Amino acid sequence: MSSYYFSLFLDQVLAYLLMSASSAAASRNDLWVSSFGQDAFNKKITTAMWLSFLGFIALAASSLISTANLFSMV
């Protein structure tokens, strides 16, 4: 039973950390574009942000599965 709580806890922590890092990258990307203009570096940052968004969707699905496993045991 405790492994289900631990799995759900880790899913939540990783999702929050991923969204925090993505928001920091988005703000720095905006600052970079306003200071230096658009270049290849900005495209890489934008791609990384989209991939982190997809990673967040995967973590959200994992969190839903962990929640379902936890409540099926209760």
N, C-alpha and C. Protein backbone atom coordinates (compact mmCIF):
# COMPACT_ATOMS: atom_id res chain seq x y z
N MET A 1 0.82 -1.20 0.00
CA MET A 1 0.00 0.00 0.00
C MET A 1 0.87 1.27 0.00
N SER A 2 1.94 1.25 0.76
CA SER A 2 2.79 2.45 0.82
C SER A 2 3.50 2.71 -0.51
N SER A 3 3.71 1.68 -1.31
CA SER A 3 4.36 1.89 -2.61
C SER A 3 3.45 2.68 -3.55
N TYR A 4 2.13 2.51 -3.40
CA TYR A 4 1.20 3.30 -4.21
C TYR A 4 1.23 4.77 -3.82
N TYR A 5 1.30 5.03 -2.52
CA TYR A 5 1.42 6.42 -2.06
C TYR A 5 2.73 7.03 -2.54
N PHE A 6 3.81 6.27 -2.46
CA PHE A 6 5.12 6.75 -2.89
C PHE A 6 5.13 7.03 -4.39
N SER A 7 4.53 6.17 -5.18
CA SER A 7 4.46 6.36 -6.62
C SER A 7 3.66 7.61 -6.97
N LEU A 8 2.54 7.80 -6.31
CA LEU A 8 1.73 8.98 -6.56
C LEU A 8 2.48 10.24 -6.14
N PHE A 9 3.17 10.19 -5.00
CA PHE A 9 3.94 11.33 -4.53
C PHE A 9 5.03 11.70 -5.53
N LEU A 10 5.77 10.72 -6.04
CA LEU A 10 6.83 11.01 -7.01
C LEU A 10 6.28 11.55 -8.32
N ASP A 11 5.15 11.03 -8.76
CA ASP A 11 4.53 11.55 -9.98
C ASP A 11 4.19 13.03 -9.83
N GLN A 12 3.63 13.38 -8.67
CA GLN A 12 3.25 14.77 -8.43
C GLN A 12 4.48 15.68 -8.34
N VAL A 13 5.50 15.24 -7.64
CA VAL A 13 6.72 16.05 -7.49
C VAL A 13 7.39 16.26 -8.84
N LEU A 14 7.53 15.22 -9.62
CA LEU A 14 8.18 15.36 -10.92
C LEU A 14 7.38 16.26 -11.86
N ALA A 15 6.06 16.16 -11.81
CA ALA A 15 5.24 17.02 -12.66
C ALA A 15 5.40 18.48 -12.27
N TYR A 16 5.41 18.78 -10.98
CA TYR A 16 5.58 20.17 -10.54
C TYR A 16 6.97 20.70 -10.89
N LEU A 17 7.99 19.88 -10.73
CA LEU A 17 9.34 20.31 -11.09
C LEU A 17 9.47 20.56 -12.59
N LEU A 18 8.86 19.70 -13.39
CA LEU A 18 8.92 19.86 -14.84
C LEU A 18 8.22 21.14 -15.28
N MET A 19 7.06 21.45 -14.70
CA MET A 19 6.36 22.66 -15.07
C MET A 19 7.10 23.91 -14.58
N SER A 20 7.75 23.82 -13.44
CA SER A 20 8.53 24.94 -12.94
C SER A 20 9.71 25.23 -13.86
N ALA A 21 10.40 24.20 -14.28
CA ALA A 21 11.54 24.39 -15.19
C ALA A 21 11.08 24.92 -16.54
N SER A 22 9.95 24.44 -17.02
CA SER A 22 9.44 24.90 -18.31
C SER A 22 9.04 26.37 -18.26
N SER A 23 8.43 26.79 -17.16
CA SER A 23 8.04 28.19 -17.06
C SER A 23 9.26 29.10 -16.96
N ALA A 24 10.29 28.63 -16.29
CA ALA A 24 11.53 29.41 -16.22
C ALA A 24 12.17 29.53 -17.61
N ALA A 25 12.17 28.44 -18.36
CA ALA A 25 12.73 28.47 -19.71
C ALA A 25 11.92 29.39 -20.62
N ALA A 26 10.60 29.37 -20.47
CA ALA A 26 9.75 30.23 -21.30
C ALA A 26 10.01 31.71 -21.02
N SER A 27 10.18 32.06 -19.76
CA SER A 27 10.44 33.47 -19.44
C SER A 27 11.81 33.91 -19.93
N ARG A 28 12.80 33.04 -19.82
CA ARG A 28 14.13 33.40 -20.31
C ARG A 28 14.16 33.47 -21.84
N ASN A 29 13.37 32.63 -22.49
CA ASN A 29 13.29 32.68 -23.95
C ASN A 29 12.70 34.01 -24.39
N ASP A 30 11.66 34.47 -23.70
CA ASP A 30 11.04 35.75 -24.04
C ASP A 30 12.04 36.89 -23.84
N LEU A 31 12.80 36.83 -22.76
CA LEU A 31 13.81 37.86 -22.51
C LEU A 31 14.88 37.84 -23.59
N TRP A 32 15.30 36.65 -24.00
CA TRP A 32 16.33 36.52 -25.03
C TRP A 32 15.85 37.09 -26.36
N VAL A 33 14.59 36.79 -26.73
CA VAL A 33 14.06 37.29 -28.00
C VAL A 33 13.94 38.81 -27.96
N SER A 34 13.49 39.36 -26.84
CA SER A 34 13.35 40.81 -26.76
C SER A 34 14.71 41.52 -26.78
N SER A 35 15.75 40.86 -26.31
CA SER A 35 17.08 41.50 -26.28
C SER A 35 17.87 41.28 -27.56
N PHE A 36 17.84 40.04 -28.09
CA PHE A 36 18.73 39.70 -29.19
C PHE A 36 18.02 39.31 -30.48
N GLY A 37 16.72 39.18 -30.45
CA GLY A 37 15.99 38.78 -31.65
C GLY A 37 15.90 37.27 -31.77
N GLN A 38 15.22 36.84 -32.81
CA GLN A 38 14.98 35.42 -33.06
C GLN A 38 16.20 34.78 -33.73
N ASP A 39 16.62 33.63 -33.24
CA ASP A 39 17.70 32.88 -33.88
C ASP A 39 17.50 31.39 -33.63
N ALA A 40 18.50 30.58 -33.99
CA ALA A 40 18.37 29.12 -33.87
C ALA A 40 18.27 28.69 -32.40
N PHE A 41 18.90 29.44 -31.51
CA PHE A 41 18.85 29.10 -30.09
C PHE A 41 17.41 29.18 -29.56
N ASN A 42 16.67 30.18 -30.01
CA ASN A 42 15.28 30.32 -29.58
C ASN A 42 14.41 29.17 -30.08
N LYS A 43 14.70 28.71 -31.27
CA LYS A 43 13.94 27.57 -31.80
C LYS A 43 14.19 26.31 -30.98
N LYS A 44 15.43 26.15 -30.52
CA LYS A 44 15.74 25.00 -29.67
C LYS A 44 15.04 25.10 -28.32
N ILE A 45 14.98 26.30 -27.77
CA ILE A 45 14.28 26.48 -26.50
C ILE A 45 12.80 26.21 -26.67
N THR A 46 12.22 26.70 -27.75
CA THR A 46 10.80 26.46 -28.00
C THR A 46 10.52 24.98 -28.17
N THR A 47 11.39 24.28 -28.87
CA THR A 47 11.23 22.83 -29.04
C THR A 47 11.33 22.13 -27.69
N ALA A 48 12.27 22.55 -26.87
CA ALA A 48 12.42 21.95 -25.54
C ALA A 48 11.19 22.19 -24.68
N MET A 49 10.59 23.37 -24.81
CA MET A 49 9.37 23.65 -24.04
C MET A 49 8.21 22.78 -24.49
N TRP A 50 8.08 22.58 -25.79
CA TRP A 50 7.01 21.70 -26.29
C TRP A 50 7.23 20.26 -25.83
N LEU A 51 8.47 19.81 -25.85
CA LEU A 51 8.76 18.45 -25.38
C LEU A 51 8.51 18.31 -23.88
N SER A 52 8.79 19.35 -23.12
CA SER A 52 8.49 19.28 -21.69
C SER A 52 6.98 19.29 -21.46
N PHE A 53 6.23 19.98 -22.30
CA PHE A 53 4.78 19.95 -22.20
C PHE A 53 4.26 18.54 -22.48
N LEU A 54 4.81 17.87 -23.48
CA LEU A 54 4.43 16.49 -23.75
C LEU A 54 4.83 15.57 -22.60
N GLY A 55 5.99 15.84 -22.01
CA GLY A 55 6.41 15.07 -20.84
C GLY A 55 5.46 15.28 -19.67
N PHE A 56 4.97 16.50 -19.51
CA PHE A 56 4.00 16.77 -18.45
C PHE A 56 2.71 16.00 -18.69
N ILE A 57 2.27 15.90 -19.93
CA ILE A 57 1.07 15.11 -20.23
C ILE A 57 1.29 13.65 -19.87
N ALA A 58 2.47 13.13 -20.16
CA ALA A 58 2.78 11.75 -19.79
C ALA A 58 2.81 11.57 -18.28
N LEU A 59 3.37 12.54 -17.56
CA LEU A 59 3.39 12.46 -16.10
C LEU A 59 1.98 12.59 -15.52
N ALA A 60 1.14 13.40 -16.15
CA ALA A 60 -0.24 13.52 -15.68
C ALA A 60 -0.98 12.20 -15.87
N ALA A 61 -0.75 11.53 -16.98
CA ALA A 61 -1.36 10.22 -17.21
C ALA A 61 -0.84 9.22 -16.18
N SER A 62 0.44 9.26 -15.91
CA SER A 62 1.02 8.36 -14.91
C SER A 62 0.43 8.64 -13.52
N SER A 63 0.21 9.90 -13.23
CA SER A 63 -0.39 10.26 -11.95
C SER A 63 -1.83 9.75 -11.85
N LEU A 64 -2.57 9.83 -12.94
CA LEU A 64 -3.94 9.30 -12.94
C LEU A 64 -3.95 7.79 -12.74
N ILE A 65 -3.01 7.11 -13.36
CA ILE A 65 -2.91 5.67 -13.19
C ILE A 65 -2.53 5.32 -11.75
N SER A 66 -1.59 6.08 -11.18
CA SER A 66 -1.20 5.84 -9.79
C SER A 66 -2.36 6.09 -8.83
N THR A 67 -3.15 7.13 -9.11
CA THR A 67 -4.31 7.41 -8.28
C THR A 67 -5.34 6.29 -8.39
N ALA A 68 -5.57 5.81 -9.59
CA ALA A 68 -6.52 4.72 -9.78
C ALA A 68 -6.04 3.47 -9.05
N ASN A 69 -4.75 3.17 -9.12
CA ASN A 69 -4.20 2.02 -8.40
C ASN A 69 -4.35 2.19 -6.90
N LEU A 70 -4.12 3.40 -6.41
CA LEU A 70 -4.21 3.65 -4.98
C LEU A 70 -5.65 3.48 -4.49
N PHE A 71 -6.60 4.05 -5.21
CA PHE A 71 -7.99 3.97 -4.75
C PHE A 71 -8.63 2.61 -5.01
N SER A 72 -8.06 1.84 -5.90
CA SER A 72 -8.59 0.48 -6.10
C SER A 72 -8.19 -0.44 -4.94
N MET A 73 -7.12 -0.06 -4.23
CA MET A 73 -6.66 -0.85 -3.10
C MET A 73 -7.38 -0.46 -1.81
N VAL A 74 -7.98 0.71 -1.76
CA VAL A 74 -8.63 1.20 -0.54
C VAL A 74 -9.95 0.54 -0.33
